Amino acid sequence: MNIFIDAVGSITNQLSGLWPKPAENPELVNGKLRPCPGTPNGVCSESTDPTVRTDPFSFTGTAEQAWALLQHVIVENGGVVHKAEKEYLWAIFLIPVLGFVDDVEFRFSPEEGVIHVRSFSRLGFSDLGVNRGRVEQLRAAFQDALKA
């Protein structure tokens, strides 16, 4: 089974190099996650548009523990953390075989007890719900890890 997984991973990595780099460097804009691009290929907890809106991740316990736990959950679920700062994190997820790249960003807001999230595909018009599904999967894994 590992041979198959390695083969799919190799193909995915090769194809991901064909897709464009982000048009802008993922980062906070005026202390918030970047605005949504106006296409239905992602979700954002700081958006007012109901078609892309999702809830932020809530947490209990120490802020440091929650932030470290989130980074662990991202890696455990196939993401690669590219930038981790005090209140901002940018990770990349690759869609198997096709190699599509999704940028997933988090803004840590300890005073609110939440972590805001933005997950969008770099390419295409629709993601067929992949980003929303990923955010829900990460949310569930994060909540489970908080309980452990």
C-alpha atoms as a PDB file:
ATOM      1  CA  MET A   1       0.000   0.000   0.000  1.00  0.00           C
ATOM      2  CA  ASN A   2       2.889   2.395   0.720  1.00  0.00           C
ATOM      3  CA  ILE A   3       4.163   1.943  -2.842  1.00  0.00           C
ATOM      4  CA  PHE A   4       0.793   3.114  -4.171  1.00  0.00           C
ATOM      5  CA  ILE A   5       0.700   6.085  -1.774  1.00  0.00           C
ATOM      6  CA  ASP A   6       4.270   7.027  -2.715  1.00  0.00           C
ATOM      7  CA  ALA A   7       3.430   6.798  -6.439  1.00  0.00           C
ATOM      8  CA  VAL A   8       0.342   9.020  -6.071  1.00  0.00           C
ATOM      9  CA  GLY A   9       2.374  11.479  -3.971  1.00  0.00           C
ATOM     10  CA  SER A  10       5.085  11.616  -6.618  1.00  0.00           C
ATOM     11  CA  ILE A  11       2.570  12.313  -9.402  1.00  0.00           C
ATOM     12  CA  THR A  12       0.827  14.936  -7.271  1.00  0.00           C
ATOM     13  CA  ASN A  13       4.091  16.736  -6.513  1.00  0.00           C
ATOM     14  CA  GLN A  14       5.079  16.752 -10.195  1.00  0.00           C
ATOM     15  CA  LEU A  15       1.722  18.137 -11.340  1.00  0.00           C
ATOM     16  CA  SER A  16       1.554  20.753  -8.563  1.00  0.00           C
ATOM     17  CA  GLY A  17       4.588  22.424 -10.114  1.00  0.00           C
ATOM     18  CA  LEU A  18       2.492  23.162 -13.213  1.00  0.00           C
ATOM     19  CA  TRP A  19      -0.024  25.309 -11.325  1.00  0.00           C
ATOM     20  CA  PRO A  20       0.670  28.981 -10.670  1.00  0.00           C
ATOM     21  CA  LYS A  21       2.216  30.436  -7.558  1.00  0.00           C
ATOM     22  CA  PRO A  22      -0.151  32.617  -5.491  1.00  0.00           C
ATOM     23  CA  ALA A  23      -0.887  35.944  -7.184  1.00  0.00           C
ATOM     24  CA  GLU A  24      -0.148  37.675  -3.913  1.00  0.00           C
ATOM     25  CA  ASN A  25       1.801  36.506  -0.926  1.00  0.00           C
ATOM     26  CA  PRO A  26      -0.600  35.122   1.638  1.00  0.00           C
ATOM     27  CA  GLU A  27      -0.553  37.458   4.623  1.00  0.00           C
ATOM     28  CA  LEU A  28      -2.843  39.495   6.833  1.00  0.00           C
ATOM     29  CA  VAL A  29      -4.347  42.630   5.320  1.00  0.00           C
ATOM     30  CA  ASN A  30      -5.089  45.325   7.893  1.00  0.00           C
ATOM     31  CA  GLY A  31      -4.956  42.696  10.630  1.00  0.00           C
ATOM     32  CA  LYS A  32      -7.501  40.392   8.933  1.00  0.00           C
ATOM     33  CA  LEU A  33      -7.378  37.460   6.532  1.00  0.00           C
ATOM     34  CA  ARG A  34      -7.285  38.446   2.858  1.00  0.00           C
ATOM     35  CA  PRO A  35     -10.619  39.269   1.211  1.00  0.00           C
ATOM     36  CA  CYS A  36     -12.280  36.522  -0.797  1.00  0.00           C
ATOM     37  CA  PRO A  37     -11.642  36.548  -4.568  1.00  0.00           C
ATOM     38  CA  GLY A  38     -15.352  36.493  -5.495  1.00  0.00           C
ATOM     39  CA  THR A  39     -15.336  32.912  -6.758  1.00  0.00           C
ATOM     40  CA  PRO A  40     -16.983  29.895  -5.096  1.00  0.00           C
ATOM     41  CA  ASN A  41     -13.745  27.979  -4.608  1.00  0.00           C
ATOM     42  CA  GLY A  42     -13.157  28.400  -0.899  1.00  0.00           C
ATOM     43  CA  VAL A  43     -14.334  29.580   2.502  1.00  0.00           C
ATOM     44  CA  CYS A  44     -13.424  32.284   5.008  1.00  0.00           C
ATOM     45  CA  SER A  45     -14.577  32.902   8.571  1.00  0.00           C
ATOM     46  CA  GLU A  46     -14.067  36.656   8.235  1.00  0.00           C
ATOM     47  CA  SER A  47     -16.257  36.997   5.134  1.00  0.00           C
ATOM     48  CA  THR A  48     -19.741  38.471   5.236  1.00  0.00           C
ATOM     49  CA  ASP A  49     -20.687  36.659   2.004  1.00  0.00           C
ATOM     50  CA  PRO A  50     -22.907  33.724   3.073  1.00  0.00           C
ATOM     51  CA  THR A  51     -21.762  31.592   0.108  1.00  0.00           C
ATOM     52  CA  VAL A  52     -18.171  31.456   1.394  1.00  0.00           C
ATOM     53  CA  ARG A  53     -18.706  32.110   5.105  1.00  0.00           C
ATOM     54  CA  THR A  54     -17.656  29.498   7.644  1.00  0.00           C
ATOM     55  CA  ASP A  55     -17.259  29.618  11.414  1.00  0.00           C
ATOM     56  CA  PRO A  56     -13.870  30.194  13.029  1.00  0.00           C
ATOM     57  CA  PHE A  57     -12.311  27.462  15.159  1.00  0.00           C
ATOM     58  CA  SER A  58     -13.033  27.957  18.850  1.00  0.00           C
ATOM     59  CA  PHE A  59     -10.732  26.791  21.606  1.00  0.00           C
ATOM     60  CA  THR A  60     -10.408  26.510  25.359  1.00  0.00           C
ATOM     61  CA  GLY A  61      -7.238  26.258  27.394  1.00  0.00           C
ATOM     62  CA  THR A  62      -4.096  28.245  26.821  1.00  0.00           C
ATOM     63  CA  ALA A  63      -3.593  30.201  23.638  1.00  0.00           C
ATOM     64  CA  GLU A  64      -0.105  28.769  23.157  1.00  0.00           C
ATOM     65  CA  GLN A  65      -1.402  25.206  23.425  1.00  0.00           C
ATOM     66  CA  ALA A  66      -4.202  25.855  20.906  1.00  0.00           C
ATOM     67  CA  TRP A  67      -1.836  27.467  18.370  1.00  0.00           C
ATOM     68  CA  ALA A  68       0.690  24.615  18.634  1.00  0.00           C
ATOM     69  CA  LEU A  69      -2.089  22.033  18.424  1.00  0.00           C
ATOM     70  CA  LEU A  70      -3.476  23.614  15.250  1.00  0.00           C
ATOM     71  CA  GLN A  71      -0.074  23.356  13.572  1.00  0.00           C
ATOM     72  CA  HIS A  72       0.148  19.693  14.545  1.00  0.00           C
ATOM     73  CA  VAL A  73      -3.376  19.024  13.176  1.00  0.00           C
ATOM     74  CA  ILE A  74      -2.496  20.688   9.850  1.00  0.00           C
ATOM     75  CA  VAL A  75       0.552  18.473   9.348  1.00  0.00           C
ATOM     76  CA  GLU A  76      -1.305  15.333  10.488  1.00  0.00           C
ATOM     77  CA  ASN A  77      -3.978  16.056   7.856  1.00  0.00           C
ATOM     78  CA  GLY A  78      -1.543  16.431   4.956  1.00  0.00           C
ATOM     79  CA  GLY A  79      -0.786  20.152   5.026  1.00  0.00           C
ATOM     80  CA  VAL A  80       2.608  21.802   4.809  1.00  0.00           C
ATOM     81  CA  VAL A  81       3.118  24.877   6.982  1.00  0.00           C
ATOM     82  CA  HIS A  82       4.929  27.567   4.971  1.00  0.00           C
ATOM     83  CA  LYS A  83       4.710  30.472   7.385  1.00  0.00           C
ATOM     84  CA  ALA A  84       4.006  30.444  11.116  1.00  0.00           C
ATOM     85  CA  GLU A  85       4.065  33.673  13.072  1.00  0.00           C
ATOM     86  CA  LYS A  86       2.645  34.771  16.409  1.00  0.00           C
ATOM     87  CA  GLU A  87      -0.890  35.377  15.084  1.00  0.00           C
ATOM     88  CA  TYR A  88      -0.777  34.142  11.486  1.00  0.00           C
ATOM     89  CA  LEU A  89      -0.229  30.792   9.785  1.00  0.00           C
ATOM     90  CA  TRP A  90      -0.159  29.858   6.090  1.00  0.00           C
ATOM     91  CA  ALA A  91      -0.295  26.230   4.968  1.00  0.00           C
ATOM     92  CA  ILE A  92      -0.602  24.509   1.604  1.00  0.00           C
ATOM     93  CA  PHE A  93      -2.626  21.414   0.781  1.00  0.00           C
ATOM     94  CA  LEU A  94      -2.246  19.495  -2.501  1.00  0.00           C
ATOM     95  CA  ILE A  95      -5.180  17.693  -4.114  1.00  0.00           C
ATOM     96  CA  PRO A  96      -4.003  14.117  -4.820  1.00  0.00           C
ATOM     97  CA  VAL A  97      -3.144  13.127  -8.401  1.00  0.00           C
ATOM     98  CA  LEU A  98      -4.188  16.410 -10.065  1.00  0.00           C
ATOM     99  CA  GLY A  99      -1.862  18.449  -7.877  1.00  0.00           C
ATOM    100  CA  PHE A 100      -4.164  21.446  -7.416  1.00  0.00           C
ATOM    101  CA  VAL A 101      -2.858  23.737  -4.686  1.00  0.00           C
ATOM    102  CA  ASP A 102      -5.053  25.193  -1.947  1.00  0.00           C
ATOM    103  CA  ASP A 103      -3.817  27.946   0.355  1.00  0.00           C
ATOM    104  CA  VAL A 104      -5.143  27.684   3.910  1.00  0.00           C
ATOM    105  CA  GLU A 105      -4.583  30.616   6.243  1.00  0.00           C
ATOM    106  CA  PHE A 106      -5.308  31.091   9.929  1.00  0.00           C
ATOM    107  CA  ARG A 107      -5.484  34.238  12.069  1.00  0.00           C
ATOM    108  CA  PHE A 108      -5.135  33.637  15.767  1.00  0.00           C
ATOM    109  CA  SER A 109      -7.381  35.806  17.963  1.00  0.00           C
ATOM    110  CA  PRO A 110      -6.748  34.719  21.578  1.00  0.00           C
ATOM    111  CA  GLU A 111      -8.812  37.560  23.033  1.00  0.00           C
ATOM    112  CA  GLU A 112     -11.882  36.191  21.190  1.00  0.00           C
ATOM    113  CA  GLY A 113     -10.962  32.565  21.886  1.00  0.00           C
ATOM    114  CA  VAL A 114     -11.046  31.762  18.161  1.00  0.00           C
ATOM    115  CA  ILE A 115      -8.830  31.014  15.205  1.00  0.00           C
ATOM    116  CA  HIS A 116     -10.132  32.506  11.959  1.00  0.00           C
ATOM    117  CA  VAL A 117      -9.648  30.451   8.807  1.00  0.00           C
ATOM    118  CA  ARG A 118      -9.469  31.120   5.049  1.00  0.00           C
ATOM    119  CA  SER A 119      -9.091  28.250   2.560  1.00  0.00           C
ATOM    120  CA  PHE A 120      -9.118  28.894  -1.199  1.00  0.00           C
ATOM    121  CA  SER A 121      -7.964  27.132  -4.349  1.00  0.00           C
ATOM    122  CA  ARG A 122      -5.332  28.941  -6.385  1.00  0.00           C
ATOM    123  CA  LEU A 123      -6.813  27.866  -9.698  1.00  0.00           C
ATOM    124  CA  GLY A 124     -10.278  27.429 -11.113  1.00  0.00           C
ATOM    125  CA  PHE A 125     -13.732  28.795 -10.502  1.00  0.00           C
ATOM    126  CA  SER A 126     -15.306  26.096  -8.332  1.00  0.00           C
ATOM    127  CA  ASP A 127     -13.679  23.629  -5.969  1.00  0.00           C
ATOM    128  CA  LEU A 128     -16.804  21.437  -5.647  1.00  0.00           C
ATOM    129  CA  GLY A 129     -16.776  21.991  -1.877  1.00  0.00           C
ATOM    130  CA  VAL A 130     -13.257  20.652  -1.293  1.00  0.00           C
ATOM    131  CA  ASN A 131     -12.093  23.634   0.792  1.00  0.00           C
ATOM    132  CA  ARG A 132     -15.234  23.687   2.939  1.00  0.00           C
ATOM    133  CA  GLY A 133     -14.842  19.954   3.532  1.00  0.00           C
ATOM    134  CA  ARG A 134     -11.174  20.365   4.449  1.00  0.00           C
ATOM    135  CA  VAL A 135     -11.939  23.137   6.924  1.00  0.00           C
ATOM    136  CA  GLU A 136     -14.597  20.968   8.573  1.00  0.00           C
ATOM    137  CA  GLN A 137     -12.161  18.037   8.711  1.00  0.00           C
ATOM    138  CA  LEU A 138      -9.489  20.264  10.295  1.00  0.00           C
ATOM    139  CA  ARG A 139     -12.040  21.707  12.735  1.00  0.00           C
ATOM    140  CA  ALA A 140     -13.112  18.208  13.871  1.00  0.00           C
ATOM    141  CA  ALA A 141      -9.496  17.052  14.245  1.00  0.00           C
ATOM    142  CA  PHE A 142      -8.634  20.223  16.169  1.00  0.00           C
ATOM    143  CA  GLN A 143     -11.607  19.809  18.524  1.00  0.00           C
ATOM    144  CA  ASP A 144     -10.729  16.141  19.084  1.00  0.00           C
ATOM    145  CA  ALA A 145      -7.126  17.073  19.848  1.00  0.00           C
ATOM    146  CA  LEU A 146      -8.255  19.729  22.334  1.00  0.00           C
ATOM    147  CA  LYS A 147     -10.238  17.061  24.222  1.00  0.00           C
ATOM    148  CA  ALA A 148      -7.322  14.605  24.367  1.00  0.00           C
END
